[in-house]
Amino acid sequence: KSGMLDRSGEFNTMGYNTVLLDFTGSGGSTGSTTTIGYKEGAEVKMCYDFYKQKYPDKPLILMGTSMGAAAILKCINDYEIKPNAIILECPFGSMYKTVCNRFDAMQVPSFPMAAMLVFYGGIMNGFWAFEHNPIDYAKKVKCPALLLSGGSDERVSLQEIDEIYANLQGKKQKIIYPLSGHESYLHKYAAEWRHDVDCFLEGK
């Protein structure tokens, strides 16, 4: 299983219905570009509006991994949506930092190419990428939030996770899976993930 299909199956087993969103340029969607969560925040809003129109009286919980988690934070920041809760897996702290982390993971010096890549990528996609900072977006989150990360994640540092967690304004919980990298936590911590998510949703 890839993408969010494995998590969706787990939520279905727990008794929750799921709606899966393929961002433009990802999964089965058309398009060939991505803005790593910046413009994708508007796609989260469209999905949110669709659900609330169809099921106005039912609770809505948003979950995203990596770029998806950043897009959720961007959506809350820009549109002030009010989900009942959110689950964020390994959101990066800033566009610039995540690009630097990719260079570091390849053991290639990040300066000056990371900054040039962020600048060029943002300009080509019509936005100032240096301001794409989920750490700042987290300040708008007032709903219950579960923040998950891998202790061996080479793409998102624990410092970034700590800074995002500190800025979350509502009831919150942070859990680190020590041996997991930038991957589905069901690979190494399936039982723990199920327990942690279930407890969060029951107690939100």
N, C-alpha and C. Protein backbone atom coordinates (compact mmCIF):
# COMPACT_ATOMS: atom_id res chain seq x y z
N LYS A 1 0.84 -1.19 0.00
CA LYS A 1 0.00 0.00 0.00
C LYS A 1 0.87 1.24 0.00
N SER A 2 0.42 2.26 -0.65
CA SER A 2 1.21 3.48 -0.71
C SER A 2 0.33 4.67 -0.38
N GLY A 3 0.97 5.83 -0.29
CA GLY A 3 0.22 7.04 0.00
C GLY A 3 -0.52 6.94 1.31
N MET A 4 -1.78 7.36 1.29
CA MET A 4 -2.60 7.33 2.50
C MET A 4 -3.52 6.12 2.57
N LEU A 5 -3.40 5.20 1.63
CA LEU A 5 -4.31 4.06 1.61
C LEU A 5 -4.18 3.19 2.85
N ASP A 6 -2.95 3.03 3.35
CA ASP A 6 -2.78 2.19 4.53
C ASP A 6 -3.44 2.83 5.75
N ARG A 7 -3.30 4.16 5.91
CA ARG A 7 -3.95 4.83 7.04
C ARG A 7 -5.46 4.81 6.89
N SER A 8 -5.94 5.00 5.65
CA SER A 8 -7.38 4.98 5.41
C SER A 8 -7.98 3.64 5.84
N GLY A 9 -7.29 2.56 5.50
CA GLY A 9 -7.77 1.25 5.92
C GLY A 9 -7.84 1.11 7.42
N GLU A 10 -6.85 1.67 8.11
CA GLU A 10 -6.85 1.61 9.57
C GLU A 10 -8.02 2.41 10.15
N PHE A 11 -8.27 3.59 9.59
CA PHE A 11 -9.40 4.40 10.08
C PHE A 11 -10.72 3.69 9.83
N ASN A 12 -10.85 3.04 8.67
CA ASN A 12 -12.07 2.30 8.38
C ASN A 12 -12.27 1.18 9.40
N THR A 13 -11.19 0.50 9.76
CA THR A 13 -11.26 -0.57 10.75
C THR A 13 -11.69 -0.03 12.11
N MET A 14 -11.26 1.21 12.42
CA MET A 14 -11.65 1.84 13.68
C MET A 14 -13.10 2.32 13.67
N GLY A 15 -13.74 2.29 12.50
CA GLY A 15 -15.13 2.70 12.42
C GLY A 15 -15.35 4.09 11.84
N TYR A 16 -14.30 4.67 11.27
CA TYR A 16 -14.41 6.01 10.67
C TYR A 16 -14.53 5.90 9.15
N ASN A 17 -15.29 6.80 8.56
CA ASN A 17 -15.32 6.93 7.11
C ASN A 17 -14.20 7.86 6.68
N THR A 18 -13.66 7.66 5.50
CA THR A 18 -12.53 8.47 5.04
C THR A 18 -12.79 9.02 3.64
N VAL A 19 -12.27 10.20 3.41
CA VAL A 19 -12.23 10.81 2.09
C VAL A 19 -10.77 11.08 1.78
N LEU A 20 -10.28 10.55 0.67
CA LEU A 20 -8.87 10.70 0.31
C LEU A 20 -8.73 11.78 -0.77
N LEU A 21 -7.74 12.62 -0.60
CA LEU A 21 -7.50 13.72 -1.54
C LEU A 21 -6.15 13.52 -2.22
N ASP A 22 -6.17 13.42 -3.54
CA ASP A 22 -4.93 13.44 -4.33
C ASP A 22 -4.68 14.87 -4.78
N PHE A 23 -3.60 15.46 -4.33
CA PHE A 23 -3.28 16.82 -4.75
C PHE A 23 -2.94 16.85 -6.23
N THR A 24 -3.08 18.03 -6.82
CA THR A 24 -2.67 18.22 -8.21
C THR A 24 -1.22 17.78 -8.40
N GLY A 25 -0.99 16.96 -9.41
CA GLY A 25 0.35 16.48 -9.67
C GLY A 25 0.78 15.31 -8.80
N SER A 26 -0.13 14.79 -7.99
CA SER A 26 0.20 13.67 -7.10
C SER A 26 -0.83 12.55 -7.27
N GLY A 27 -0.43 11.35 -6.91
CA GLY A 27 -1.36 10.23 -6.97
C GLY A 27 -1.96 10.07 -8.36
N GLY A 28 -3.27 9.97 -8.43
CA GLY A 28 -3.95 9.81 -9.71
C GLY A 28 -4.44 11.11 -10.32
N SER A 29 -4.06 12.24 -9.73
CA SER A 29 -4.52 13.53 -10.23
C SER A 29 -3.70 13.99 -11.44
N THR A 30 -4.32 14.85 -12.24
CA THR A 30 -3.61 15.43 -13.38
C THR A 30 -2.65 16.51 -12.90
N GLY A 31 -1.82 16.99 -13.81
CA GLY A 31 -0.85 18.02 -13.47
C GLY A 31 0.52 17.42 -13.22
N SER A 32 1.52 18.27 -13.31
CA SER A 32 2.89 17.78 -13.15
C SER A 32 3.72 18.63 -12.20
N THR A 33 3.08 19.58 -11.51
CA THR A 33 3.82 20.43 -10.58
C THR A 33 3.23 20.35 -9.19
N THR A 34 4.04 20.69 -8.22
CA THR A 34 3.59 20.74 -6.82
C THR A 34 4.23 21.95 -6.16
N THR A 35 3.55 22.50 -5.17
CA THR A 35 4.12 23.62 -4.42
C THR A 35 4.39 23.21 -2.97
N ILE A 36 4.48 21.93 -2.73
CA ILE A 36 4.86 21.36 -1.42
C ILE A 36 3.98 21.89 -0.30
N GLY A 37 2.69 22.01 -0.57
CA GLY A 37 1.74 22.38 0.47
C GLY A 37 1.22 23.79 0.40
N TYR A 38 1.84 24.67 -0.41
CA TYR A 38 1.44 26.07 -0.44
C TYR A 38 0.08 26.23 -1.14
N LYS A 39 0.03 25.94 -2.42
CA LYS A 39 -1.25 26.03 -3.13
C LYS A 39 -2.15 24.85 -2.79
N GLU A 40 -1.57 23.76 -2.32
CA GLU A 40 -2.36 22.60 -1.94
C GLU A 40 -3.29 22.90 -0.77
N GLY A 41 -2.96 23.96 0.01
CA GLY A 41 -3.86 24.36 1.09
C GLY A 41 -5.25 24.70 0.57
N ALA A 42 -5.33 25.30 -0.61
CA ALA A 42 -6.62 25.62 -1.22
C ALA A 42 -7.38 24.36 -1.61
N GLU A 43 -6.65 23.30 -1.97
CA GLU A 43 -7.30 22.04 -2.31
C GLU A 43 -7.88 21.39 -1.06
N VAL A 44 -7.18 21.53 0.07
CA VAL A 44 -7.74 21.05 1.34
C VAL A 44 -9.04 21.78 1.63
N LYS A 45 -9.07 23.10 1.38
CA LYS A 45 -10.28 23.89 1.62
C LYS A 45 -11.44 23.40 0.75
N MET A 46 -11.18 23.08 -0.50
CA MET A 46 -12.24 22.58 -1.38
C MET A 46 -12.80 21.26 -0.86
N CYS A 47 -11.91 20.37 -0.41
CA CYS A 47 -12.34 19.09 0.14
C CYS A 47 -13.13 19.30 1.44
N TYR A 48 -12.66 20.22 2.27
CA TYR A 48 -13.34 20.56 3.52
C TYR A 48 -14.75 21.07 3.23
N ASP A 49 -14.87 21.99 2.29
CA ASP A 49 -16.18 22.56 1.95
C ASP A 49 -17.11 21.50 1.39
N PHE A 50 -16.58 20.61 0.55
CA PHE A 50 -17.39 19.53 -0.02
C PHE A 50 -17.98 18.66 1.09
N TYR A 51 -17.12 18.29 2.04
CA TYR A 51 -17.58 17.42 3.13
C TYR A 51 -18.61 18.12 4.00
N LYS A 52 -18.33 19.37 4.37
CA LYS A 52 -19.24 20.09 5.26
C LYS A 52 -20.59 20.35 4.60
N GLN A 53 -20.60 20.52 3.28
CA GLN A 53 -21.86 20.71 2.57
C GLN A 53 -22.65 19.41 2.52
N LYS A 54 -21.94 18.32 2.34
CA LYS A 54 -22.60 17.02 2.21
C LYS A 54 -23.01 16.46 3.57
N TYR A 55 -22.17 16.69 4.58
CA TYR A 55 -22.43 16.16 5.93
C TYR A 55 -22.27 17.28 6.97
N PRO A 56 -23.18 18.23 6.98
CA PRO A 56 -22.99 19.42 7.83
C PRO A 56 -22.97 19.13 9.33
N ASP A 57 -23.59 18.04 9.75
CA ASP A 57 -23.70 17.77 11.18
C ASP A 57 -22.71 16.71 11.68
N LYS A 58 -21.87 16.23 10.78
CA LYS A 58 -20.92 15.18 11.18
C LYS A 58 -19.56 15.79 11.48
N PRO A 59 -18.85 15.23 12.46
CA PRO A 59 -17.50 15.74 12.78
C PRO A 59 -16.54 15.50 11.62
N LEU A 60 -15.53 16.33 11.54
CA LEU A 60 -14.54 16.23 10.46
C LEU A 60 -13.14 16.31 11.07
N ILE A 61 -12.34 15.30 10.79
CA ILE A 61 -10.96 15.25 11.27
C ILE A 61 -10.06 15.23 10.05
N LEU A 62 -9.10 16.11 10.01
CA LEU A 62 -8.15 16.17 8.91
C LEU A 62 -6.86 15.46 9.29
N MET A 63 -6.31 14.70 8.34
CA MET A 63 -5.03 14.05 8.57
C MET A 63 -4.16 14.21 7.34
N GLY A 64 -2.90 14.53 7.55
CA GLY A 64 -1.97 14.64 6.44
C GLY A 64 -0.57 14.24 6.85
N THR A 65 0.17 13.78 5.86
CA THR A 65 1.55 13.38 6.08
C THR A 65 2.48 14.24 5.24
N SER A 66 3.54 14.75 5.84
CA SER A 66 4.56 15.53 5.16
C SER A 66 3.93 16.73 4.44
N MET A 67 3.92 16.73 3.11
CA MET A 67 3.31 17.83 2.37
C MET A 67 1.84 17.98 2.72
N GLY A 68 1.14 16.87 2.91
CA GLY A 68 -0.27 16.92 3.27
C GLY A 68 -0.48 17.60 4.61
N ALA A 69 0.41 17.34 5.56
CA ALA A 69 0.31 18.00 6.86
C ALA A 69 0.57 19.49 6.73
N ALA A 70 1.55 19.85 5.90
CA ALA A 70 1.83 21.27 5.65
C ALA A 70 0.64 21.95 5.00
N ALA A 71 -0.03 21.25 4.08
CA ALA A 71 -1.19 21.81 3.39
C ALA A 71 -2.34 22.04 4.36
N ILE A 72 -2.53 21.14 5.31
CA ILE A 72 -3.57 21.33 6.32
C ILE A 72 -3.28 22.58 7.14
N LEU A 73 -2.04 22.74 7.57
CA LEU A 73 -1.67 23.92 8.34
C LEU A 73 -1.83 25.20 7.52
N LYS A 74 -1.47 25.14 6.25
CA LYS A 74 -1.64 26.29 5.36
C LYS A 74 -3.12 26.64 5.20
N CYS A 75 -3.97 25.64 5.07
CA CYS A 75 -5.40 25.85 4.92
C CYS A 75 -5.99 26.50 6.17
N ILE A 76 -5.63 26.01 7.34
CA ILE A 76 -6.12 26.59 8.58
C ILE A 76 -5.65 28.03 8.72
N ASN A 77 -4.41 28.28 8.32
CA ASN A 77 -3.86 29.63 8.39
C ASN A 77 -4.59 30.60 7.47
N ASP A 78 -4.86 30.16 6.24
CA ASP A 78 -5.42 31.05 5.23
C ASP A 78 -6.94 31.20 5.31
N TYR A 79 -7.63 30.11 5.64
CA TYR A 79 -9.09 30.11 5.55
C TYR A 79 -9.79 29.99 6.90
N GLU A 80 -9.01 29.76 7.94
CA GLU A 80 -9.57 29.67 9.30
C GLU A 80 -10.68 28.63 9.38
N ILE A 81 -10.49 27.51 8.71
CA ILE A 81 -11.45 26.41 8.81
C ILE A 81 -11.41 25.86 10.24
N LYS A 82 -12.46 25.14 10.60
CA LYS A 82 -12.57 24.65 11.98
C LYS A 82 -12.86 23.15 11.99
N PRO A 83 -11.88 22.33 11.68
CA PRO A 83 -12.07 20.89 11.83
C PRO A 83 -12.20 20.52 13.30
N ASN A 84 -12.77 19.36 13.57
CA ASN A 84 -12.90 18.94 14.96
C ASN A 84 -11.56 18.56 15.56
N ALA A 85 -10.65 18.10 14.72
CA ALA A 85 -9.31 17.75 15.18
C ALA A 85 -8.43 17.56 13.94
N ILE A 86 -7.12 17.56 14.16
CA ILE A 86 -6.19 17.28 13.06
C ILE A 86 -5.12 16.31 13.54
N ILE A 87 -4.66 15.50 12.61
CA ILE A 87 -3.54 14.59 12.86
C ILE A 87 -2.47 14.93 11.83
N LEU A 88 -1.30 15.31 12.31
CA LEU A 88 -0.21 15.74 11.43
C LEU A 88 0.97 14.78 11.57
N GLU A 89 1.37 14.18 10.46
CA GLU A 89 2.56 13.33 10.46
C GLU A 89 3.71 14.05 9.77
N CYS A 90 4.79 14.22 10.45
CA CYS A 90 6.06 14.78 9.97
C CYS A 90 5.91 16.02 9.07
N PRO A 91 5.19 17.06 9.52
CA PRO A 91 5.18 18.29 8.72
C PRO A 91 6.53 18.99 8.81
N PHE A 92 7.03 19.52 7.71
CA PHE A 92 8.29 20.25 7.75
C PHE A 92 8.06 21.65 8.32
N GLY A 93 9.13 22.26 8.83
CA GLY A 93 9.00 23.56 9.48
C GLY A 93 8.93 24.71 8.51
N SER A 94 9.72 24.65 7.45
CA SER A 94 9.72 25.71 6.44
C SER A 94 10.17 25.12 5.11
N MET A 95 9.76 25.77 4.04
CA MET A 95 10.16 25.32 2.71
C MET A 95 11.69 25.31 2.58
N TYR A 96 12.31 26.39 3.03
CA TYR A 96 13.76 26.49 2.90
C TYR A 96 14.46 25.38 3.70
N LYS A 97 13.99 25.15 4.93
CA LYS A 97 14.61 24.14 5.77
C LYS A 97 14.46 22.75 5.17
N THR A 98 13.29 22.46 4.60
CA THR A 98 13.10 21.11 4.06
C THR A 98 13.97 20.88 2.83
N VAL A 99 14.18 21.93 2.03
CA VAL A 99 15.08 21.79 0.88
C VAL A 99 16.52 21.58 1.37
N CYS A 100 16.92 22.32 2.39
CA CYS A 100 18.26 22.13 2.96
C CYS A 100 18.42 20.70 3.48
N ASN A 101 17.38 20.18 4.12
CA ASN A 101 17.44 18.82 4.66
C ASN A 101 17.65 17.79 3.54
N ARG A 102 17.02 18.04 2.38
CA ARG A 102 17.20 17.12 1.25
C ARG A 102 18.65 17.12 0.77
N PHE A 103 19.25 18.30 0.70
CA PHE A 103 20.65 18.39 0.31
C PHE A 103 21.53 17.67 1.33
N ASP A 104 21.26 17.89 2.61
CA ASP A 104 22.05 17.24 3.66
C ASP A 104 21.93 15.73 3.58
N ALA A 105 20.71 15.23 3.30
CA ALA A 105 20.50 13.79 3.21
C ALA A 105 21.30 13.18 2.06
N MET A 106 21.52 13.97 1.00
CA MET A 106 22.31 13.51 -0.14
C MET A 106 23.80 13.78 0.06
N GLN A 107 24.13 14.37 1.23
CA GLN A 107 25.52 14.72 1.56
C GLN A 107 26.10 15.69 0.53
N VAL A 108 25.25 16.64 0.15
CA VAL A 108 25.63 17.70 -0.78
C VAL A 108 25.48 19.04 -0.04
N PRO A 109 26.45 19.94 -0.12
CA PRO A 109 26.33 21.23 0.56
C PRO A 109 25.06 21.96 0.14
N SER A 110 24.31 22.47 1.13
CA SER A 110 23.04 23.12 0.82
C SER A 110 23.21 24.57 0.37
N PHE A 111 24.33 25.17 0.73
CA PHE A 111 24.55 26.57 0.34
C PHE A 111 25.44 26.63 -0.90
N PRO A 112 25.05 27.41 -1.91
CA PRO A 112 23.89 28.31 -2.00
C PRO A 112 22.71 27.71 -2.78
N MET A 113 22.84 26.44 -3.18
CA MET A 113 21.87 25.87 -4.11
C MET A 113 20.46 25.75 -3.52
N ALA A 114 20.36 25.47 -2.21
CA ALA A 114 19.03 25.33 -1.61
C ALA A 114 18.24 26.63 -1.72
N ALA A 115 18.89 27.74 -1.41
CA ALA A 115 18.21 29.04 -1.50
C ALA A 115 17.83 29.35 -2.94
N MET A 116 18.71 29.03 -3.88
CA MET A 116 18.42 29.29 -5.28
C MET A 116 17.24 28.45 -5.75
N LEU A 117 17.19 27.20 -5.30
CA LEU A 117 16.10 26.31 -5.70
C LEU A 117 14.76 26.79 -5.13
N VAL A 118 14.75 27.21 -3.86
CA VAL A 118 13.53 27.72 -3.24
C VAL A 118 13.07 28.99 -3.96
N PHE A 119 14.02 29.87 -4.26
CA PHE A 119 13.69 31.12 -4.96
C PHE A 119 13.10 30.82 -6.35
N TYR A 120 13.81 30.01 -7.12
CA TYR A 120 13.38 29.71 -8.48
C TYR A 120 12.05 28.96 -8.50
N GLY A 121 11.93 27.95 -7.63
CA GLY A 121 10.70 27.16 -7.59
C GLY A 121 9.49 28.00 -7.23
N GLY A 122 9.68 28.91 -6.27
CA GLY A 122 8.58 29.78 -5.88
C GLY A 122 8.18 30.73 -6.99
N ILE A 123 9.17 31.37 -7.60
CA ILE A 123 8.89 32.32 -8.69
C ILE A 123 8.19 31.61 -9.85
N MET A 124 8.64 30.43 -10.21
CA MET A 124 8.04 29.68 -11.31
C MET A 124 6.58 29.30 -11.02
N ASN A 125 6.25 29.17 -9.74
CA ASN A 125 4.90 28.77 -9.36
C ASN A 125 4.07 29.92 -8.80
N GLY A 126 4.62 31.13 -8.87
CA GLY A 126 3.84 32.31 -8.54
C GLY A 126 3.67 32.62 -7.07
N PHE A 127 4.64 32.24 -6.24
CA PHE A 127 4.55 32.61 -4.83
C PHE A 127 5.96 32.76 -4.24
N TRP A 128 6.03 33.44 -3.09
CA TRP A 128 7.32 33.65 -2.42
C TRP A 128 7.55 32.49 -1.47
N ALA A 129 8.34 31.52 -1.90
CA ALA A 129 8.47 30.26 -1.19
C ALA A 129 9.16 30.38 0.17
N PHE A 130 9.92 31.44 0.37
CA PHE A 130 10.59 31.62 1.66
C PHE A 130 9.60 31.94 2.78
N GLU A 131 8.36 32.28 2.43
CA GLU A 131 7.34 32.55 3.43
C GLU A 131 6.42 31.33 3.68
N HIS A 132 6.75 30.22 3.04
CA HIS A 132 5.96 29.00 3.24
C HIS A 132 6.51 28.28 4.46
N ASN A 133 5.95 28.63 5.65
CA ASN A 133 6.50 28.16 6.92
C ASN A 133 5.41 27.55 7.80
N PRO A 134 5.21 26.24 7.74
CA PRO A 134 4.23 25.60 8.60
C PRO A 134 4.43 25.90 10.10
N ILE A 135 5.66 26.18 10.49
CA ILE A 135 5.89 26.57 11.89
C ILE A 135 5.03 27.78 12.24
N ASP A 136 4.95 28.75 11.35
CA ASP A 136 4.13 29.94 11.60
C ASP A 136 2.64 29.62 11.46
N TYR A 137 2.27 28.80 10.50
CA TYR A 137 0.86 28.46 10.32
C TYR A 137 0.28 27.80 11.57
N ALA A 138 1.11 27.07 12.30
CA ALA A 138 0.63 26.33 13.47
C ALA A 138 0.02 27.26 14.53
N LYS A 139 0.39 28.53 14.50
CA LYS A 139 -0.14 29.47 15.49
C LYS A 139 -1.64 29.68 15.34
N LYS A 140 -2.21 29.34 14.20
CA LYS A 140 -3.65 29.51 13.96
C LYS A 140 -4.46 28.27 14.37
N VAL A 141 -3.77 27.20 14.77
CA VAL A 141 -4.47 25.95 15.09
C VAL A 141 -4.98 26.01 16.52
N LYS A 142 -6.29 25.94 16.66
CA LYS A 142 -6.91 25.97 17.98
C LYS A 142 -7.66 24.69 18.31
N CYS A 143 -7.82 23.82 17.33
CA CYS A 143 -8.51 22.54 17.57
C CYS A 143 -7.51 21.53 18.14
N PRO A 144 -8.00 20.42 18.70
CA PRO A 144 -7.09 19.37 19.18
C PRO A 144 -6.19 18.88 18.04
N ALA A 145 -4.92 18.67 18.36
CA ALA A 145 -3.94 18.27 17.33
C ALA A 145 -3.04 17.16 17.85
N LEU A 146 -2.86 16.14 17.04
CA LEU A 146 -1.91 15.07 17.31
C LEU A 146 -0.77 15.21 16.32
N LEU A 147 0.43 15.39 16.82
CA LEU A 147 1.62 15.59 15.99
C LEU A 147 2.52 14.37 16.12
N LEU A 148 2.76 13.70 15.00
CA LEU A 148 3.56 12.47 14.98
C LEU A 148 4.81 12.69 14.14
N SER A 149 5.91 12.07 14.57
CA SER A 149 7.15 12.18 13.80
C SER A 149 8.03 10.98 14.05
N GLY A 150 8.97 10.77 13.12
CA GLY A 150 9.94 9.71 13.27
C GLY A 150 11.24 10.23 13.86
N GLY A 151 11.76 9.54 14.82
CA GLY A 151 13.00 9.97 15.45
C GLY A 151 14.21 9.84 14.55
N SER A 152 14.07 9.07 13.46
CA SER A 152 15.17 8.89 12.51
C SER A 152 14.84 9.51 11.16
N ASP A 153 13.97 10.52 11.17
CA ASP A 153 13.55 11.18 9.94
C ASP A 153 14.67 12.07 9.42
N GLU A 154 15.15 11.78 8.21
CA GLU A 154 16.25 12.55 7.62
C GLU A 154 15.75 13.79 6.89
N ARG A 155 14.45 13.92 6.73
CA ARG A 155 13.90 15.06 5.99
C ARG A 155 13.28 16.13 6.88
N VAL A 156 12.81 15.73 8.06
CA VAL A 156 12.20 16.67 9.00
C VAL A 156 12.87 16.48 10.36
N SER A 157 13.49 17.53 10.85
CA SER A 157 14.22 17.43 12.12
C SER A 157 13.27 17.50 13.30
N LEU A 158 13.71 16.95 14.42
CA LEU A 158 12.92 17.02 15.64
C LEU A 158 12.81 18.46 16.13
N GLN A 159 13.78 19.29 15.80
CA GLN A 159 13.68 20.71 16.15
C GLN A 159 12.49 21.35 15.44
N GLU A 160 12.30 21.03 14.17
CA GLU A 160 11.14 21.55 13.44
C GLU A 160 9.84 21.08 14.08
N ILE A 161 9.80 19.79 14.43
CA ILE A 161 8.60 19.24 15.08
C ILE A 161 8.33 19.95 16.40
N ASP A 162 9.38 20.16 17.18
CA ASP A 162 9.22 20.85 18.47
C ASP A 162 8.70 22.27 18.28
N GLU A 163 9.18 22.96 17.25
CA GLU A 163 8.75 24.34 17.03
C GLU A 163 7.30 24.40 16.57
N ILE A 164 6.91 23.47 15.72
CA ILE A 164 5.50 23.40 15.31
C ILE A 164 4.63 23.10 16.53
N TYR A 165 5.04 22.13 17.32
CA TYR A 165 4.27 21.74 18.50
C TYR A 165 4.10 22.91 19.47
N ALA A 166 5.16 23.66 19.66
CA ALA A 166 5.10 24.80 20.58
C ALA A 166 4.10 25.85 20.12
N ASN A 167 3.89 25.97 18.81
CA ASN A 167 3.00 27.00 18.28
C ASN A 167 1.54 26.58 18.20
N LEU A 168 1.26 25.29 18.30
CA LEU A 168 -0.13 24.83 18.29
C LEU A 168 -0.85 25.40 19.50
N GLN A 169 -2.03 25.98 19.28
CA GLN A 169 -2.69 26.74 20.34
C GLN A 169 -3.73 25.95 21.13
N GLY A 170 -4.20 24.85 20.61
CA GLY A 170 -5.24 24.09 21.29
C GLY A 170 -4.67 22.91 22.07
N LYS A 171 -5.56 22.02 22.46
CA LYS A 171 -5.15 20.77 23.10
C LYS A 171 -4.26 20.01 22.12
N LYS A 172 -3.15 19.51 22.62
CA LYS A 172 -2.19 18.92 21.69
C LYS A 172 -1.42 17.77 22.32
N GLN A 173 -0.91 16.93 21.44
CA GLN A 173 -0.10 15.79 21.87
C GLN A 173 0.96 15.52 20.81
N LYS A 174 2.15 15.22 21.26
CA LYS A 174 3.26 14.92 20.35
C LYS A 174 3.80 13.54 20.67
N ILE A 175 4.00 12.74 19.62
CA ILE A 175 4.54 11.39 19.79
C ILE A 175 5.63 11.18 18.76
N ILE A 176 6.76 10.67 19.22
CA ILE A 176 7.90 10.37 18.35
C ILE A 176 8.10 8.86 18.29
N TYR A 177 8.21 8.33 17.08
CA TYR A 177 8.52 6.91 16.88
C TYR A 177 10.01 6.81 16.56
N PRO A 178 10.82 6.38 17.53
CA PRO A 178 12.28 6.55 17.45
C PRO A 178 12.95 5.98 16.21
N LEU A 179 12.54 4.83 15.73
CA LEU A 179 13.24 4.17 14.63
C LEU A 179 12.67 4.48 13.26
N SER A 180 11.62 5.25 13.20
CA SER A 180 10.98 5.56 11.92
C SER A 180 11.66 6.74 11.23
N GLY A 181 11.76 6.64 9.91
CA GLY A 181 12.26 7.74 9.11
C GLY A 181 11.08 8.49 8.52
N HIS A 182 11.27 9.04 7.32
CA HIS A 182 10.21 9.79 6.64
C HIS A 182 9.36 8.77 5.88
N GLU A 183 8.48 8.09 6.58
CA GLU A 183 7.76 6.95 6.04
C GLU A 183 6.47 6.75 6.84
N SER A 184 5.65 5.83 6.38
CA SER A 184 4.46 5.47 7.14
C SER A 184 4.89 4.80 8.43
N TYR A 185 4.34 5.25 9.54
CA TYR A 185 4.71 4.67 10.83
C TYR A 185 4.11 3.29 11.03
N LEU A 186 3.22 2.90 10.12
CA LEU A 186 2.68 1.55 10.18
C LEU A 186 3.73 0.50 9.79
N HIS A 187 4.80 0.93 9.17
CA HIS A 187 5.86 -0.02 8.79
C HIS A 187 6.55 -0.61 10.02
N LYS A 188 6.87 0.24 10.99
CA LYS A 188 7.62 -0.22 12.16
C LYS A 188 6.84 -0.14 13.47
N TYR A 189 5.79 0.68 13.48
CA TYR A 189 5.07 0.92 14.74
C TYR A 189 3.56 0.80 14.54
N ALA A 190 3.13 -0.24 13.85
CA ALA A 190 1.71 -0.36 13.52
C ALA A 190 0.84 -0.40 14.77
N ALA A 191 1.17 -1.24 15.73
CA ALA A 191 0.35 -1.36 16.94
C ALA A 191 0.36 -0.06 17.73
N GLU A 192 1.52 0.56 17.84
CA GLU A 192 1.63 1.81 18.58
C GLU A 192 0.84 2.93 17.89
N TRP A 193 0.95 3.00 16.57
CA TRP A 193 0.22 4.02 15.82
C TRP A 193 -1.28 3.86 16.01
N ARG A 194 -1.78 2.64 15.89
CA ARG A 194 -3.20 2.40 16.08
C ARG A 194 -3.65 2.83 17.47
N HIS A 195 -2.88 2.47 18.47
CA HIS A 195 -3.22 2.82 19.85
C HIS A 195 -3.20 4.33 20.05
N ASP A 196 -2.15 4.98 19.56
CA ASP A 196 -2.00 6.42 19.77
C ASP A 196 -3.10 7.21 19.08
N VAL A 197 -3.39 6.84 17.84
CA VAL A 197 -4.42 7.55 17.09
C VAL A 197 -5.80 7.30 17.68
N ASP A 198 -6.07 6.06 18.05
CA ASP A 198 -7.36 5.72 18.63
C ASP A 198 -7.58 6.47 19.94
N CYS A 199 -6.57 6.51 20.79
CA CYS A 199 -6.67 7.21 22.06
C CYS A 199 -6.90 8.70 21.85
N PHE A 200 -6.21 9.27 20.88
CA PHE A 200 -6.38 10.69 20.58
C PHE A 200 -7.80 10.98 20.11
N LEU A 201 -8.29 10.17 19.19
CA LEU A 201 -9.63 10.41 18.65
C LEU A 201 -10.71 10.19 19.70
N GLU A 202 -10.50 9.24 20.58
CA GLU A 202 -11.48 8.98 21.64
C GLU A 202 -11.49 10.12 22.66
N GLY A 203 -10.32 10.73 22.87
CA GLY A 203 -10.22 11.74 23.92
C GLY A 203 -10.21 13.16 23.45
N LYS A 204 -10.35 13.37 22.14
CA LYS A 204 -10.22 14.72 21.58
C LYS A 204 -11.26 15.69 22.13
